[in-house]
Amino acid sequence: MSKVDLHIHSKYSDDGEFSVTEILDRCKGLEMKLVSITDHNSVKAVADALECNAGLRVISGVELDCTYKGMNFHLLGYSFDHTRREFSEIEQDIFTQEMGAAEEKIHLFRKATGIPVSIVEVVTAAKGGIIAGELIGEIVLAKENASEFEVLKPYLPGGVKSDMPNVRLYWDYFSPGKPAYVPIRYISLPDGIKLIHKANGFSVLAHPGQNLSNHYNVLNKIIAEGIDGIEVFSSYHSPEEKTYFLNVAKQNGLLITCGSDFHGKNKPNIQIGCHGSTLDDSELIENIIERQGSGAL
């Protein structure tokens, strides 16, 4: 297990489970050397991390949803000035859009599956947060009669998708192109890169093997937009993908990073530090520290 993990989600992500304090305590227990909490479109964890990171090296982080060439991507930002108002504006805009889309999302899911789930029970469970597909999955899979629905059987214990049932149900029904998908307007990837640079940080393309969907020709275009690095080592990447992205990063002089994409209960088989890096931790840390700007913690 690596002692460096630059892709961790806290409860400030709509699909995260643990508080910042709980995550950092866990990292200290694992004797991690360098970590970053990178919540979805939110920098709220950065201030928390500043207050409780004693004994642990942490850099500020965020994971921005972006669009490019008609595709959705995740852009990681590191070591930036998290107090810039643009970050809070992005978070509020996406929250407003998501809440407006919630009822349609649930309607489309009911229509596609025949499973009776109400907007009231989902809003109650969300406790004022974004109504994520993973939450809807958690609710329907916990119903006493869940096994009566054929469409849910793959996600129930023993099913082929039971390793990460909530997130796999999200991928199957609520992600782009799926039956219950409701579009949300995100910033463009070039604008995301520019924002992170304006905030004196550096930008990294998250788990490209997952988002490129074999359209690897787009990667060269993204590099030309000024991306600073690639998340080469990810829990989603196969050994072949890791080798491929490692070579691309080296050939283009890009920063090489690693991240587990830890969430907690929604991705129970993904643990902090488990991303399969083949590089020495000291090499990863040295390269990251060299890139640090005003947002370093």
C-alpha atoms as a PDB file:
ATOM      1  CA  MET A   1       0.000   0.000   0.000  1.00  0.00           C
ATOM      2  CA  SER A   2       1.280   3.442  -0.924  1.00  0.00           C
ATOM      3  CA  LYS A   3       1.678   6.140   1.726  1.00  0.00           C
ATOM      4  CA  VAL A   4       0.563   8.798  -0.768  1.00  0.00           C
ATOM      5  CA  ASP A   5      -3.095   9.285  -1.720  1.00  0.00           C
ATOM      6  CA  LEU A   6      -4.254  12.414  -3.527  1.00  0.00           C
ATOM      7  CA  HIS A   7      -7.858  11.446  -4.224  1.00  0.00           C
ATOM      8  CA  ILE A   8      -9.996  11.042  -1.093  1.00  0.00           C
ATOM      9  CA  HIS A   9     -13.608  12.097  -0.514  1.00  0.00           C
ATOM     10  CA  SER A  10     -15.175  13.298   2.720  1.00  0.00           C
ATOM     11  CA  LYS A  11     -18.811  13.844   3.727  1.00  0.00           C
ATOM     12  CA  TYR A  12     -18.679  17.146   1.830  1.00  0.00           C
ATOM     13  CA  SER A  13     -18.994  15.065  -1.330  1.00  0.00           C
ATOM     14  CA  ASP A  14     -22.558  13.979  -2.062  1.00  0.00           C
ATOM     15  CA  ASP A  15     -21.401  10.356  -2.058  1.00  0.00           C
ATOM     16  CA  GLY A  16     -18.800  10.501   0.735  1.00  0.00           C
ATOM     17  CA  GLU A  17     -19.228   9.024   4.207  1.00  0.00           C
ATOM     18  CA  PHE A  18     -16.636  10.273   6.690  1.00  0.00           C
ATOM     19  CA  SER A  19     -15.840  13.651   8.212  1.00  0.00           C
ATOM     20  CA  VAL A  20     -12.504  15.294   7.497  1.00  0.00           C
ATOM     21  CA  THR A  21     -11.348  14.539  11.041  1.00  0.00           C
ATOM     22  CA  GLU A  22     -12.241  10.863  10.663  1.00  0.00           C
ATOM     23  CA  ILE A  23     -10.391  10.644   7.352  1.00  0.00           C
ATOM     24  CA  LEU A  24      -7.251  12.335   8.641  1.00  0.00           C
ATOM     25  CA  ASP A  25      -7.282  10.166  11.769  1.00  0.00           C
ATOM     26  CA  ARG A  26      -7.494   7.126   9.521  1.00  0.00           C
ATOM     27  CA  CYS A  27      -4.612   8.457   7.414  1.00  0.00           C
ATOM     28  CA  LYS A  28      -2.491   8.989  10.513  1.00  0.00           C
ATOM     29  CA  GLY A  29      -3.241   5.431  11.610  1.00  0.00           C
ATOM     30  CA  LEU A  30      -2.028   4.211   8.227  1.00  0.00           C
ATOM     31  CA  GLU A  31       1.097   6.388   8.583  1.00  0.00           C
ATOM     32  CA  MET A  32       0.340   8.166   5.324  1.00  0.00           C
ATOM     33  CA  LYS A  33       2.992  10.619   4.161  1.00  0.00           C
ATOM     34  CA  LEU A  34       1.017  12.884   1.843  1.00  0.00           C
ATOM     35  CA  VAL A  35      -2.750  13.116   1.234  1.00  0.00           C
ATOM     36  CA  SER A  36      -5.374  15.381  -0.271  1.00  0.00           C
ATOM     37  CA  ILE A  37      -9.122  15.476   0.297  1.00  0.00           C
ATOM     38  CA  THR A  38     -10.681  16.177  -3.093  1.00  0.00           C
ATOM     39  CA  ASP A  39     -14.420  16.598  -2.697  1.00  0.00           C
ATOM     40  CA  HIS A  40     -16.796  16.896  -5.634  1.00  0.00           C
ATOM     41  CA  ASN A  41     -17.076  20.583  -6.591  1.00  0.00           C
ATOM     42  CA  SER A  42     -16.470  21.628  -2.981  1.00  0.00           C
ATOM     43  CA  VAL A  43     -13.539  23.102  -1.066  1.00  0.00           C
ATOM     44  CA  LYS A  44     -15.209  22.975   2.347  1.00  0.00           C
ATOM     45  CA  ALA A  45     -12.852  20.216   3.480  1.00  0.00           C
ATOM     46  CA  VAL A  46      -9.792  22.399   2.967  1.00  0.00           C
ATOM     47  CA  ALA A  47     -10.512  24.659   5.952  1.00  0.00           C
ATOM     48  CA  ASP A  48     -11.300  21.637   8.125  1.00  0.00           C
ATOM     49  CA  ALA A  49      -8.053  19.978   7.099  1.00  0.00           C
ATOM     50  CA  LEU A  50      -6.097  23.110   8.041  1.00  0.00           C
ATOM     51  CA  GLU A  51      -7.390  22.778  11.578  1.00  0.00           C
ATOM     52  CA  CYS A  52      -6.710  19.090  12.175  1.00  0.00           C
ATOM     53  CA  ASN A  53      -3.789  18.018  10.030  1.00  0.00           C
ATOM     54  CA  ALA A  54      -1.173  17.974  12.799  1.00  0.00           C
ATOM     55  CA  GLY A  55       1.387  15.263  12.179  1.00  0.00           C
ATOM     56  CA  LEU A  56       0.281  14.695   8.589  1.00  0.00           C
ATOM     57  CA  ARG A  57       1.300  16.413   5.350  1.00  0.00           C
ATOM     58  CA  VAL A  58      -1.813  17.556   3.469  1.00  0.00           C
ATOM     59  CA  ILE A  59      -2.321  19.664   0.358  1.00  0.00           C
ATOM     60  CA  SER A  60      -5.555  21.370  -0.595  1.00  0.00           C
ATOM     61  CA  GLY A  61      -7.677  19.573  -3.161  1.00  0.00           C
ATOM     62  CA  VAL A  62     -10.908  19.567  -5.145  1.00  0.00           C
ATOM     63  CA  GLU A  63     -12.462  17.432  -7.891  1.00  0.00           C
ATOM     64  CA  LEU A  64     -14.348  19.532 -10.420  1.00  0.00           C
ATOM     65  CA  ASP A  65     -16.898  18.095 -12.834  1.00  0.00           C
ATOM     66  CA  CYS A  66     -16.061  19.416 -16.303  1.00  0.00           C
ATOM     67  CA  THR A  67     -17.068  18.928 -19.920  1.00  0.00           C
ATOM     68  CA  TYR A  68     -14.858  18.701 -22.991  1.00  0.00           C
ATOM     69  CA  LYS A  69     -15.608  17.663 -26.575  1.00  0.00           C
ATOM     70  CA  GLY A  70     -19.052  16.452 -25.518  1.00  0.00           C
ATOM     71  CA  MET A  71     -17.636  14.240 -22.750  1.00  0.00           C
ATOM     72  CA  ASN A  72     -17.697  14.531 -18.962  1.00  0.00           C
ATOM     73  CA  PHE A  73     -14.384  14.598 -17.097  1.00  0.00           C
ATOM     74  CA  HIS A  74     -13.180  15.054 -13.534  1.00  0.00           C
ATOM     75  CA  LEU A  75     -10.475  17.637 -12.972  1.00  0.00           C
ATOM     76  CA  LEU A  76      -8.405  17.508  -9.803  1.00  0.00           C
ATOM     77  CA  GLY A  77      -7.003  20.754  -8.441  1.00  0.00           C
ATOM     78  CA  TYR A  78      -4.215  20.845  -5.862  1.00  0.00           C
ATOM     79  CA  SER A  79      -2.335  23.308  -3.683  1.00  0.00           C
ATOM     80  CA  PHE A  80      -4.547  26.245  -4.644  1.00  0.00           C
ATOM     81  CA  ASP A  81      -6.062  29.232  -2.861  1.00  0.00           C
ATOM     82  CA  HIS A  82      -9.381  27.742  -1.737  1.00  0.00           C
ATOM     83  CA  THR A  83     -10.754  31.108  -0.573  1.00  0.00           C
ATOM     84  CA  ARG A  84     -11.424  32.359  -4.108  1.00  0.00           C
ATOM     85  CA  ARG A  85     -15.152  32.988  -4.512  1.00  0.00           C
ATOM     86  CA  GLU A  86     -15.298  31.059  -7.811  1.00  0.00           C
ATOM     87  CA  PHE A  87     -15.098  27.755  -5.968  1.00  0.00           C
ATOM     88  CA  SER A  88     -18.073  28.494  -3.717  1.00  0.00           C
ATOM     89  CA  GLU A  89     -20.001  29.803  -6.724  1.00  0.00           C
ATOM     90  CA  ILE A  90     -19.425  26.555  -8.614  1.00  0.00           C
ATOM     91  CA  GLU A  91     -20.562  24.505  -5.618  1.00  0.00           C
ATOM     92  CA  GLN A  92     -23.742  26.569  -5.164  1.00  0.00           C
ATOM     93  CA  ASP A  93     -24.585  26.486  -8.872  1.00  0.00           C
ATOM     94  CA  ILE A  94     -24.297  22.695  -9.066  1.00  0.00           C
ATOM     95  CA  PHE A  95     -26.276  22.278  -5.834  1.00  0.00           C
ATOM     96  CA  THR A  96     -29.106  24.421  -7.222  1.00  0.00           C
ATOM     97  CA  GLN A  97     -29.160  22.479 -10.480  1.00  0.00           C
ATOM     98  CA  GLU A  98     -29.081  19.110  -8.722  1.00  0.00           C
ATOM     99  CA  MET A  99     -31.952  19.986  -6.395  1.00  0.00           C
ATOM    100  CA  GLY A 100     -33.985  21.190  -9.360  1.00  0.00           C
ATOM    101  CA  ALA A 101     -33.324  17.930 -11.180  1.00  0.00           C
ATOM    102  CA  ALA A 102     -34.077  15.623  -8.242  1.00  0.00           C
ATOM    103  CA  GLU A 103     -37.771  15.034  -8.893  1.00  0.00           C
ATOM    104  CA  GLU A 104     -37.243  14.273 -12.585  1.00  0.00           C
ATOM    105  CA  LYS A 105     -34.374  11.944 -11.720  1.00  0.00           C
ATOM    106  CA  ILE A 106     -36.575   9.940  -9.349  1.00  0.00           C
ATOM    107  CA  HIS A 107     -39.465   9.923 -11.855  1.00  0.00           C
ATOM    108  CA  LEU A 108     -37.220   8.546 -14.604  1.00  0.00           C
ATOM    109  CA  PHE A 109     -35.826   5.893 -12.276  1.00  0.00           C
ATOM    110  CA  ARG A 110     -39.342   4.744 -11.293  1.00  0.00           C
ATOM    111  CA  LYS A 111     -40.329   4.661 -14.959  1.00  0.00           C
ATOM    112  CA  ALA A 112     -37.274   2.597 -15.921  1.00  0.00           C
ATOM    113  CA  THR A 113     -37.438   0.111 -13.054  1.00  0.00           C
ATOM    114  CA  GLY A 114     -40.977   0.060 -11.673  1.00  0.00           C
ATOM    115  CA  ILE A 115     -39.569   0.477  -8.173  1.00  0.00           C
ATOM    116  CA  PRO A 116     -41.784   2.672  -5.945  1.00  0.00           C
ATOM    117  CA  VAL A 117     -39.448   5.276  -4.446  1.00  0.00           C
ATOM    118  CA  SER A 118     -40.836   8.676  -3.485  1.00  0.00           C
ATOM    119  CA  ILE A 119     -39.318  12.132  -3.590  1.00  0.00           C
ATOM    120  CA  VAL A 120     -40.248  12.563   0.075  1.00  0.00           C
ATOM    121  CA  GLU A 121     -38.250   9.580   1.332  1.00  0.00           C
ATOM    122  CA  VAL A 122     -35.246  10.535  -0.788  1.00  0.00           C
ATOM    123  CA  VAL A 123     -35.274  14.204   0.285  1.00  0.00           C
ATOM    124  CA  THR A 124     -35.581  13.096   3.914  1.00  0.00           C
ATOM    125  CA  ALA A 125     -32.602  10.776   3.571  1.00  0.00           C
ATOM    126  CA  ALA A 126     -30.549  13.480   1.821  1.00  0.00           C
ATOM    127  CA  LYS A 127     -30.798  15.724   4.911  1.00  0.00           C
ATOM    128  CA  GLY A 128     -30.485  18.891   2.858  1.00  0.00           C
ATOM    129  CA  GLY A 129     -27.699  17.599   0.644  1.00  0.00           C
ATOM    130  CA  ILE A 130     -27.589  16.773  -3.048  1.00  0.00           C
ATOM    131  CA  ILE A 131     -29.824  13.894  -4.092  1.00  0.00           C
ATOM    132  CA  ALA A 132     -27.227  11.630  -5.625  1.00  0.00           C
ATOM    133  CA  GLY A 133     -27.880   8.460  -7.568  1.00  0.00           C
ATOM    134  CA  GLU A 134     -25.906   6.524  -4.964  1.00  0.00           C
ATOM    135  CA  LEU A 135     -28.352   7.687  -2.281  1.00  0.00           C
ATOM    136  CA  ILE A 136     -31.336   6.508  -4.320  1.00  0.00           C
ATOM    137  CA  GLY A 137     -29.549   3.204  -4.796  1.00  0.00           C
ATOM    138  CA  GLU A 138     -28.928   2.880  -1.064  1.00  0.00           C
ATOM    139  CA  ILE A 139     -32.605   3.553  -0.335  1.00  0.00           C
ATOM    140  CA  VAL A 140     -34.094   1.071  -2.806  1.00  0.00           C
ATOM    141  CA  LEU A 141     -31.569  -1.664  -2.014  1.00  0.00           C
ATOM    142  CA  ALA A 142     -32.412  -1.367   1.697  1.00  0.00           C
ATOM    143  CA  LYS A 143     -36.152  -1.927   1.120  1.00  0.00           C
ATOM    144  CA  GLU A 144     -37.528  -5.110   2.691  1.00  0.00           C
ATOM    145  CA  ASN A 145     -38.943  -6.242  -0.641  1.00  0.00           C
ATOM    146  CA  ALA A 146     -35.853  -5.335  -2.711  1.00  0.00           C
ATOM    147  CA  SER A 147     -35.323  -8.964  -3.729  1.00  0.00           C
ATOM    148  CA  GLU A 148     -38.742  -8.977  -5.401  1.00  0.00           C
ATOM    149  CA  PHE A 149     -37.464  -6.647  -8.127  1.00  0.00           C
ATOM    150  CA  GLU A 150     -35.511  -8.473 -10.805  1.00  0.00           C
ATOM    151  CA  VAL A 151     -33.558  -5.334 -11.741  1.00  0.00           C
ATOM    152  CA  LEU A 152     -32.135  -5.080  -8.219  1.00  0.00           C
ATOM    153  CA  LYS A 153     -30.891  -8.661  -7.879  1.00  0.00           C
ATOM    154  CA  PRO A 154     -27.437  -7.987  -9.403  1.00  0.00           C
ATOM    155  CA  TYR A 155     -26.788  -5.381  -6.681  1.00  0.00           C
ATOM    156  CA  LEU A 156     -27.984  -7.434  -3.705  1.00  0.00           C
ATOM    157  CA  PRO A 157     -25.626  -9.680  -1.667  1.00  0.00           C
ATOM    158  CA  GLY A 158     -24.266 -12.415  -3.891  1.00  0.00           C
ATOM    159  CA  GLY A 159     -25.118 -10.517  -7.073  1.00  0.00           C
ATOM    160  CA  VAL A 160     -22.566  -9.739  -9.766  1.00  0.00           C
ATOM    161  CA  LYS A 161     -22.598  -6.037  -8.846  1.00  0.00           C
ATOM    162  CA  SER A 162     -22.776  -6.405  -5.082  1.00  0.00           C
ATOM    163  CA  ASP A 163     -19.153  -5.337  -4.503  1.00  0.00           C
ATOM    164  CA  MET A 164     -20.151  -1.653  -4.847  1.00  0.00           C
ATOM    165  CA  PRO A 165     -23.957  -1.834  -5.128  1.00  0.00           C
ATOM    166  CA  ASN A 166     -24.844   1.821  -4.622  1.00  0.00           C
ATOM    167  CA  VAL A 167     -22.310   3.240  -7.045  1.00  0.00           C
ATOM    168  CA  ARG A 168     -22.871   0.514  -9.647  1.00  0.00           C
ATOM    169  CA  LEU A 169     -26.591   1.243  -9.594  1.00  0.00           C
ATOM    170  CA  TYR A 170     -25.724   4.904 -10.064  1.00  0.00           C
ATOM    171  CA  TRP A 171     -23.502   4.077 -13.047  1.00  0.00           C
ATOM    172  CA  ASP A 172     -26.244   1.905 -14.583  1.00  0.00           C
ATOM    173  CA  TYR A 173     -29.144   4.327 -14.184  1.00  0.00           C
ATOM    174  CA  PHE A 174     -28.014   7.891 -13.386  1.00  0.00           C
ATOM    175  CA  SER A 175     -24.797   8.435 -15.351  1.00  0.00           C
ATOM    176  CA  PRO A 176     -24.734  10.036 -18.843  1.00  0.00           C
ATOM    177  CA  GLY A 177     -26.670   8.044 -21.415  1.00  0.00           C
ATOM    178  CA  LYS A 178     -28.536   5.969 -18.823  1.00  0.00           C
ATOM    179  CA  PRO A 179     -32.343   5.865 -18.257  1.00  0.00           C
ATOM    180  CA  ALA A 180     -32.522   8.221 -15.260  1.00  0.00           C
ATOM    181  CA  TYR A 181     -29.794  10.652 -16.280  1.00  0.00           C
ATOM    182  CA  VAL A 182     -30.678  14.340 -15.972  1.00  0.00           C
ATOM    183  CA  PRO A 183     -28.057  16.689 -17.485  1.00  0.00           C
ATOM    184  CA  ILE A 184     -26.259  19.170 -15.237  1.00  0.00           C
ATOM    185  CA  ARG A 185     -24.312  22.087 -16.697  1.00  0.00           C
ATOM    186  CA  TYR A 186     -20.663  21.958 -15.667  1.00  0.00           C
ATOM    187  CA  ILE A 187     -17.800  24.304 -16.461  1.00  0.00           C
ATOM    188  CA  SER A 188     -15.619  23.447 -19.428  1.00  0.00           C
ATOM    189  CA  LEU A 189     -12.380  21.620 -18.749  1.00  0.00           C
ATOM    190  CA  PRO A 190     -10.267  24.497 -20.152  1.00  0.00           C
ATOM    191  CA  ASP A 191     -12.065  26.938 -17.829  1.00  0.00           C
ATOM    192  CA  GLY A 192     -11.456  24.565 -14.914  1.00  0.00           C
ATOM    193  CA  ILE A 193      -7.748  24.458 -15.692  1.00  0.00           C
ATOM    194  CA  LYS A 194      -7.634  28.267 -15.919  1.00  0.00           C
ATOM    195  CA  LEU A 195      -9.445  28.660 -12.587  1.00  0.00           C
ATOM    196  CA  ILE A 196      -7.043  26.349 -10.769  1.00  0.00           C
ATOM    197  CA  HIS A 197      -4.087  28.180 -12.292  1.00  0.00           C
ATOM    198  CA  LYS A 198      -5.562  31.568 -11.296  1.00  0.00           C
ATOM    199  CA  ALA A 199      -5.761  30.197  -7.757  1.00  0.00           C
ATOM    200  CA  ASN A 200      -2.025  29.361  -7.918  1.00  0.00           C
ATOM    201  CA  GLY A 201      -2.656  25.620  -8.012  1.00  0.00           C
ATOM    202  CA  PHE A 202      -1.992  22.804 -10.461  1.00  0.00           C
ATOM    203  CA  SER A 203      -4.505  20.713 -12.388  1.00  0.00           C
ATOM    204  CA  VAL A 204      -4.584  16.945 -12.894  1.00  0.00           C
ATOM    205  CA  LEU A 205      -6.850  14.803 -15.066  1.00  0.00           C
ATOM    206  CA  ALA A 206      -8.567  12.301 -12.766  1.00  0.00           C
ATOM    207  CA  HIS A 207      -8.777   8.564 -13.629  1.00  0.00           C
ATOM    208  CA  PRO A 208      -8.610   9.100 -17.421  1.00  0.00           C
ATOM    209  CA  GLY A 209      -9.082   5.405 -18.107  1.00  0.00           C
ATOM    210  CA  GLN A 210     -12.590   5.682 -16.695  1.00  0.00           C
ATOM    211  CA  ASN A 211     -13.653   8.922 -18.394  1.00  0.00           C
ATOM    212  CA  LEU A 212     -11.977   8.706 -21.797  1.00  0.00           C
ATOM    213  CA  SER A 213     -13.997   5.590 -22.696  1.00  0.00           C
ATOM    214  CA  ASN A 214     -11.271   4.492 -25.145  1.00  0.00           C
ATOM    215  CA  HIS A 215     -11.325   7.898 -26.904  1.00  0.00           C
ATOM    216  CA  TYR A 216      -7.629   8.280 -26.186  1.00  0.00           C
ATOM    217  CA  ASN A 217      -7.193  10.696 -29.082  1.00  0.00           C
ATOM    218  CA  VAL A 218      -8.921  13.294 -26.890  1.00  0.00           C
ATOM    219  CA  LEU A 219      -6.109  13.036 -24.342  1.00  0.00           C
ATOM    220  CA  ASN A 220      -3.667  14.887 -26.605  1.00  0.00           C
ATOM    221  CA  LYS A 221      -6.174  17.717 -26.946  1.00  0.00           C
ATOM    222  CA  ILE A 222      -6.566  17.894 -23.153  1.00  0.00           C
ATOM    223  CA  ILE A 223      -2.796  18.051 -22.735  1.00  0.00           C
ATOM    224  CA  ALA A 224      -2.708  20.925 -25.213  1.00  0.00           C
ATOM    225  CA  GLU A 225      -5.220  22.813 -23.032  1.00  0.00           C
ATOM    226  CA  GLY A 226      -2.536  23.166 -20.356  1.00  0.00           C
ATOM    227  CA  ILE A 227      -3.235  20.317 -17.930  1.00  0.00           C
ATOM    228  CA  ASP A 228      -0.380  19.915 -15.443  1.00  0.00           C
ATOM    229  CA  GLY A 229      -0.634  16.229 -14.667  1.00  0.00           C
ATOM    230  CA  ILE A 230      -2.372  12.875 -15.032  1.00  0.00           C
ATOM    231  CA  GLU A 231      -3.698  10.646 -12.274  1.00  0.00           C
ATOM    232  CA  VAL A 232      -1.765   7.681 -13.616  1.00  0.00           C
ATOM    233  CA  PHE A 233      -2.263   5.404 -10.646  1.00  0.00           C
ATOM    234  CA  SER A 234      -5.961   4.923  -9.878  1.00  0.00           C
ATOM    235  CA  SER A 235      -7.968   2.110  -8.343  1.00  0.00           C
ATOM    236  CA  TYR A 236      -9.943   2.090 -11.617  1.00  0.00           C
ATOM    237  CA  HIS A 237      -6.963   1.551 -13.907  1.00  0.00           C
ATOM    238  CA  SER A 238      -5.791  -1.812 -15.143  1.00  0.00           C
ATOM    239  CA  PRO A 239      -2.021  -2.519 -15.143  1.00  0.00           C
ATOM    240  CA  GLU A 240      -2.009  -1.850 -18.887  1.00  0.00           C
ATOM    241  CA  GLU A 241      -3.746   1.503 -18.443  1.00  0.00           C
ATOM    242  CA  LYS A 242      -1.302   2.514 -15.714  1.00  0.00           C
ATOM    243  CA  THR A 243       1.610   1.749 -18.005  1.00  0.00           C
ATOM    244  CA  TYR A 244       0.019   3.638 -20.892  1.00  0.00           C
ATOM    245  CA  PHE A 245      -0.775   6.787 -18.898  1.00  0.00           C
ATOM    246  CA  LEU A 246       2.618   6.677 -17.181  1.00  0.00           C
ATOM    247  CA  ASN A 247       4.326   6.748 -20.585  1.00  0.00           C
ATOM    248  CA  VAL A 248       2.055   9.570 -21.810  1.00  0.00           C
ATOM    249  CA  ALA A 249       2.822  11.632 -18.712  1.00  0.00           C
ATOM    250  CA  LYS A 250       6.567  11.115 -19.045  1.00  0.00           C
ATOM    251  CA  GLN A 251       6.597  11.862 -22.781  1.00  0.00           C
ATOM    252  CA  ASN A 252       4.761  15.145 -22.208  1.00  0.00           C
ATOM    253  CA  GLY A 253       6.597  16.230 -19.072  1.00  0.00           C
ATOM    254  CA  LEU A 254       3.427  16.008 -16.970  1.00  0.00           C
ATOM    255  CA  LEU A 255       3.126  15.491 -13.250  1.00  0.00           C
ATOM    256  CA  ILE A 256       2.368  11.891 -12.245  1.00  0.00           C
ATOM    257  CA  THR A 257      -0.118  11.489  -9.398  1.00  0.00           C
ATOM    258  CA  CYS A 258      -1.923   8.684  -7.614  1.00  0.00           C
ATOM    259  CA  GLY A 259      -5.313   8.399  -5.939  1.00  0.00           C
ATOM    260  CA  SER A 260      -7.592   5.708  -4.576  1.00  0.00           C
ATOM    261  CA  ASP A 261     -10.878   7.670  -4.932  1.00  0.00           C
ATOM    262  CA  PHE A 262     -11.838   6.569  -1.431  1.00  0.00           C
ATOM    263  CA  HIS A 263     -15.477   7.277  -0.511  1.00  0.00           C
ATOM    264  CA  GLY A 264     -16.370   4.874   2.270  1.00  0.00           C
ATOM    265  CA  LYS A 265     -19.566   2.805   2.143  1.00  0.00           C
ATOM    266  CA  ASN A 266     -20.415   3.634  -1.485  1.00  0.00           C
ATOM    267  CA  LYS A 267     -17.120   2.140  -2.668  1.00  0.00           C
ATOM    268  CA  PRO A 268     -16.299  -0.350   0.100  1.00  0.00           C
ATOM    269  CA  ASN A 269     -13.646  -2.199  -1.888  1.00  0.00           C
ATOM    270  CA  ILE A 270     -11.590   0.980  -2.366  1.00  0.00           C
ATOM    271  CA  GLN A 271      -9.303   1.825   0.534  1.00  0.00           C
ATOM    272  CA  ILE A 272      -6.976   4.755   1.238  1.00  0.00           C
ATOM    273  CA  GLY A 273      -3.550   4.236  -0.323  1.00  0.00           C
ATOM    274  CA  CYS A 274      -4.685   1.381  -2.562  1.00  0.00           C
ATOM    275  CA  HIS A 275      -4.189   2.668  -6.095  1.00  0.00           C
ATOM    276  CA  GLY A 276      -1.415   0.385  -7.310  1.00  0.00           C
ATOM    277  CA  SER A 277       1.404   2.874  -7.794  1.00  0.00           C
ATOM    278  CA  THR A 278       4.593   1.324  -9.106  1.00  0.00           C
ATOM    279  CA  LEU A 279       6.671   4.385  -8.217  1.00  0.00           C
ATOM    280  CA  ASP A 280       8.499   5.033  -4.984  1.00  0.00           C
ATOM    281  CA  ASP A 281       6.519   7.238  -2.591  1.00  0.00           C
ATOM    282  CA  SER A 282       9.467   9.589  -2.126  1.00  0.00           C
ATOM    283  CA  GLU A 283       9.555  10.248  -5.891  1.00  0.00           C
ATOM    284  CA  LEU A 284       5.823  11.053  -5.950  1.00  0.00           C
ATOM    285  CA  ILE A 285       6.113  13.352  -2.929  1.00  0.00           C
ATOM    286  CA  GLU A 286       9.132  15.216  -4.272  1.00  0.00           C
ATOM    287  CA  ASN A 287       7.378  15.974  -7.560  1.00  0.00           C
ATOM    288  CA  ILE A 288       4.198  17.157  -5.794  1.00  0.00           C
ATOM    289  CA  ILE A 289       6.007  19.374  -3.304  1.00  0.00           C
ATOM    290  CA  GLU A 290       7.871  21.067  -6.150  1.00  0.00           C
ATOM    291  CA  ARG A 291       4.527  22.077  -7.670  1.00  0.00           C
ATOM    292  CA  GLN A 292       3.009  23.485  -4.487  1.00  0.00           C
ATOM    293  CA  GLY A 293       1.667  27.026  -4.568  1.00  0.00           C
ATOM    294  CA  SER A 294      -0.084  29.259  -2.100  1.00  0.00           C
ATOM    295  CA  GLY A 295      -2.715  26.617  -1.397  1.00  0.00           C
ATOM    296  CA  ALA A 296      -0.323  24.212   0.279  1.00  0.00           C
ATOM    297  CA  LEU A 297      -1.379  23.162   3.734  1.00  0.00           C
END
